[in-house]
Amino acid sequence: MKDSGMDDKKLMSQLEELAENLSIEVRYEAIRKEESFFAGGLCRLRGKDILIVNSDASLGDKIQALAKALRRFDFSRIYMRPALREFLTKLPDQTGDKKKPEKAAGPQDE
């Protein structure tokens, strides 16, 4: 993630910290799907947000899974390093649009 101005391990650590600040549990588990690869995703279980990340994924894929899930939440009132905030806001969503930070109030799929 060279665009963020920090190395991948540091970026991963900051994404995990942001998830914790948003009360999102991050689980690393081996995800097996025949003939396909799944890096991870966000789910809601008993009213709690849980982000399951494929433990077999590359560091880059883990970062993408965390970032795509976290950018769906309102983090405007949470302090984070400017490079991390920039990385998250520049990350295109699945439609290719960039996130508008003031719009996200929680998970968009609720």
C-alpha atoms as a PDB file:
ATOM      1  CA  MET A   1       0.000   0.000   0.000  1.00  0.00           C
ATOM      2  CA  LYS A   2       2.677   2.432  -1.053  1.00  0.00           C
ATOM      3  CA  ASP A   3       0.163   5.244  -1.671  1.00  0.00           C
ATOM      4  CA  SER A   4      -0.555   5.490   2.063  1.00  0.00           C
ATOM      5  CA  GLY A   5       2.989   6.595   2.937  1.00  0.00           C
ATOM      6  CA  MET A   6       3.552   3.747   5.394  1.00  0.00           C
ATOM      7  CA  ASP A   7       4.661   0.137   5.202  1.00  0.00           C
ATOM      8  CA  ASP A   8       2.096  -2.676   5.031  1.00  0.00           C
ATOM      9  CA  LYS A   9       2.731  -4.054   8.531  1.00  0.00           C
ATOM     10  CA  LYS A  10       2.183  -0.641  10.096  1.00  0.00           C
ATOM     11  CA  LEU A  11      -0.918  -0.081   7.959  1.00  0.00           C
ATOM     12  CA  MET A  12      -2.313  -3.457   9.021  1.00  0.00           C
ATOM     13  CA  SER A  13      -1.699  -2.646  12.684  1.00  0.00           C
ATOM     14  CA  GLN A  14      -3.467   0.712  12.369  1.00  0.00           C
ATOM     15  CA  LEU A  15      -6.446  -0.873  10.598  1.00  0.00           C
ATOM     16  CA  GLU A  16      -6.753  -3.427  13.403  1.00  0.00           C
ATOM     17  CA  GLU A  17      -6.603  -0.616  15.960  1.00  0.00           C
ATOM     18  CA  LEU A  18      -9.311   1.307  14.097  1.00  0.00           C
ATOM     19  CA  ALA A  19     -11.518  -1.804  14.083  1.00  0.00           C
ATOM     20  CA  GLU A  20     -11.057  -2.101  17.844  1.00  0.00           C
ATOM     21  CA  ASN A  21     -11.971   1.589  18.294  1.00  0.00           C
ATOM     22  CA  LEU A  22     -15.143   0.964  16.263  1.00  0.00           C
ATOM     23  CA  SER A  23     -15.964  -2.089  18.434  1.00  0.00           C
ATOM     24  CA  ILE A  24     -15.511  -4.464  15.512  1.00  0.00           C
ATOM     25  CA  GLU A  25     -14.116  -7.860  16.390  1.00  0.00           C
ATOM     26  CA  VAL A  26     -11.470  -9.035  13.923  1.00  0.00           C
ATOM     27  CA  ARG A  27     -11.045 -12.780  13.550  1.00  0.00           C
ATOM     28  CA  TYR A  28      -8.362 -14.497  11.492  1.00  0.00           C
ATOM     29  CA  GLU A  29      -9.591 -17.866  10.284  1.00  0.00           C
ATOM     30  CA  ALA A  30      -8.747 -20.243   7.466  1.00  0.00           C
ATOM     31  CA  ILE A  31     -11.497 -19.814   4.897  1.00  0.00           C
ATOM     32  CA  ARG A  32     -11.817 -22.657   2.441  1.00  0.00           C
ATOM     33  CA  LYS A  33     -13.849 -22.222  -0.734  1.00  0.00           C
ATOM     34  CA  GLU A  34     -13.530 -24.627  -3.623  1.00  0.00           C
ATOM     35  CA  GLU A  35     -11.947 -23.126  -6.737  1.00  0.00           C
ATOM     36  CA  SER A  36     -12.084 -19.560  -5.426  1.00  0.00           C
ATOM     37  CA  PHE A  37     -10.341 -17.276  -2.979  1.00  0.00           C
ATOM     38  CA  PHE A  38     -12.023 -15.124  -0.351  1.00  0.00           C
ATOM     39  CA  ALA A  39      -9.884 -12.652   1.622  1.00  0.00           C
ATOM     40  CA  GLY A  40     -12.580 -11.922   4.185  1.00  0.00           C
ATOM     41  CA  GLY A  41     -15.558  -9.792   4.963  1.00  0.00           C
ATOM     42  CA  LEU A  42     -17.811  -8.147   7.492  1.00  0.00           C
ATOM     43  CA  CYS A  43     -20.792  -9.838   9.103  1.00  0.00           C
ATOM     44  CA  ARG A  44     -23.146  -9.160  11.954  1.00  0.00           C
ATOM     45  CA  LEU A  45     -23.668 -11.867  14.552  1.00  0.00           C
ATOM     46  CA  ARG A  46     -26.030 -11.359  17.490  1.00  0.00           C
ATOM     47  CA  GLY A  47     -25.874  -7.592  17.032  1.00  0.00           C
ATOM     48  CA  LYS A  48     -22.076  -7.459  16.964  1.00  0.00           C
ATOM     49  CA  ASP A  49     -19.953  -6.532  13.948  1.00  0.00           C
ATOM     50  CA  ILE A  50     -17.355  -9.177  13.170  1.00  0.00           C
ATOM     51  CA  LEU A  51     -14.736  -8.976  10.468  1.00  0.00           C
ATOM     52  CA  ILE A  52     -13.494 -12.383   9.396  1.00  0.00           C
ATOM     53  CA  VAL A  53     -10.160 -12.288   7.579  1.00  0.00           C
ATOM     54  CA  ASN A  54      -8.695 -15.273   5.774  1.00  0.00           C
ATOM     55  CA  SER A  55      -5.569 -16.253   7.711  1.00  0.00           C
ATOM     56  CA  ASP A  56      -4.133 -17.751   4.502  1.00  0.00           C
ATOM     57  CA  ALA A  57      -4.456 -14.456   2.580  1.00  0.00           C
ATOM     58  CA  SER A  58      -1.446 -12.347   1.726  1.00  0.00           C
ATOM     59  CA  LEU A  59      -0.769  -9.262   3.818  1.00  0.00           C
ATOM     60  CA  GLY A  60      -2.017  -7.077   0.959  1.00  0.00           C
ATOM     61  CA  ASP A  61      -5.276  -9.027   0.705  1.00  0.00           C
ATOM     62  CA  LYS A  62      -5.768  -8.823   4.476  1.00  0.00           C
ATOM     63  CA  ILE A  63      -5.268  -5.042   4.321  1.00  0.00           C
ATOM     64  CA  GLN A  64      -7.815  -4.757   1.515  1.00  0.00           C
ATOM     65  CA  ALA A  65     -10.371  -6.884   3.404  1.00  0.00           C
ATOM     66  CA  LEU A  66      -9.967  -4.782   6.563  1.00  0.00           C
ATOM     67  CA  ALA A  67     -10.022  -1.472   4.704  1.00  0.00           C
ATOM     68  CA  LYS A  68     -13.095  -2.321   2.602  1.00  0.00           C
ATOM     69  CA  ALA A  69     -15.017  -3.309   5.708  1.00  0.00           C
ATOM     70  CA  LEU A  70     -13.884  -0.396   7.889  1.00  0.00           C
ATOM     71  CA  ARG A  71     -14.589   2.295   5.316  1.00  0.00           C
ATOM     72  CA  ARG A  72     -18.292   1.472   5.644  1.00  0.00           C
ATOM     73  CA  PHE A  73     -18.370   2.966   9.141  1.00  0.00           C
ATOM     74  CA  ASP A  74     -18.383   6.545  10.370  1.00  0.00           C
ATOM     75  CA  PHE A  75     -14.866   7.182  11.594  1.00  0.00           C
ATOM     76  CA  SER A  76     -15.097  10.969  11.364  1.00  0.00           C
ATOM     77  CA  ARG A  77     -15.000  11.338  15.167  1.00  0.00           C
ATOM     78  CA  ILE A  78     -12.202   8.847  15.727  1.00  0.00           C
ATOM     79  CA  TYR A  79      -8.616  10.021  15.724  1.00  0.00           C
ATOM     80  CA  MET A  80      -6.381   8.204  13.287  1.00  0.00           C
ATOM     81  CA  ARG A  81      -3.134   9.083  11.632  1.00  0.00           C
ATOM     82  CA  PRO A  82      -3.616  11.292   8.576  1.00  0.00           C
ATOM     83  CA  ALA A  83      -1.978   8.710   6.279  1.00  0.00           C
ATOM     84  CA  LEU A  84      -4.491   6.056   7.393  1.00  0.00           C
ATOM     85  CA  ARG A  85      -7.461   8.404   6.934  1.00  0.00           C
ATOM     86  CA  GLU A  86      -6.174   9.325   3.467  1.00  0.00           C
ATOM     87  CA  PHE A  87      -5.724   5.654   2.557  1.00  0.00           C
ATOM     88  CA  LEU A  88      -9.295   4.827   3.593  1.00  0.00           C
ATOM     89  CA  THR A  89     -10.886   7.798   1.862  1.00  0.00           C
ATOM     90  CA  LYS A  90      -8.986   7.159  -1.372  1.00  0.00           C
ATOM     91  CA  LEU A  91      -9.887   3.475  -1.454  1.00  0.00           C
ATOM     92  CA  PRO A  92     -12.479   2.962  -4.202  1.00  0.00           C
ATOM     93  CA  ASP A  93     -15.675   1.196  -3.198  1.00  0.00           C
ATOM     94  CA  GLN A  94     -17.004  -1.726  -5.187  1.00  0.00           C
ATOM     95  CA  THR A  95     -18.556   0.635  -7.728  1.00  0.00           C
ATOM     96  CA  GLY A  96     -15.220   2.406  -8.237  1.00  0.00           C
ATOM     97  CA  ASP A  97     -16.272   5.576  -6.408  1.00  0.00           C
ATOM     98  CA  LYS A  98     -14.147   7.040  -3.659  1.00  0.00           C
ATOM     99  CA  LYS A  99     -15.611   7.248  -0.173  1.00  0.00           C
ATOM    100  CA  LYS A 100     -17.169  10.495   0.923  1.00  0.00           C
ATOM    101  CA  PRO A 101     -16.248  10.513   4.647  1.00  0.00           C
ATOM    102  CA  GLU A 102     -19.218  12.565   5.821  1.00  0.00           C
ATOM    103  CA  LYS A 103     -21.808  10.120   4.414  1.00  0.00           C
ATOM    104  CA  ALA A 104     -21.072   6.828   6.196  1.00  0.00           C
ATOM    105  CA  ALA A 105     -23.000   6.486   9.451  1.00  0.00           C
ATOM    106  CA  GLY A 106     -22.714   2.723   9.914  1.00  0.00           C
ATOM    107  CA  PRO A 107     -22.762  -0.458   7.903  1.00  0.00           C
ATOM    108  CA  GLN A 108     -24.470   0.257   4.602  1.00  0.00           C
ATOM    109  CA  ASP A 109     -25.963  -3.233   4.284  1.00  0.00           C
ATOM    110  CA  GLU A 110     -28.101  -3.151   7.433  1.00  0.00           C
END
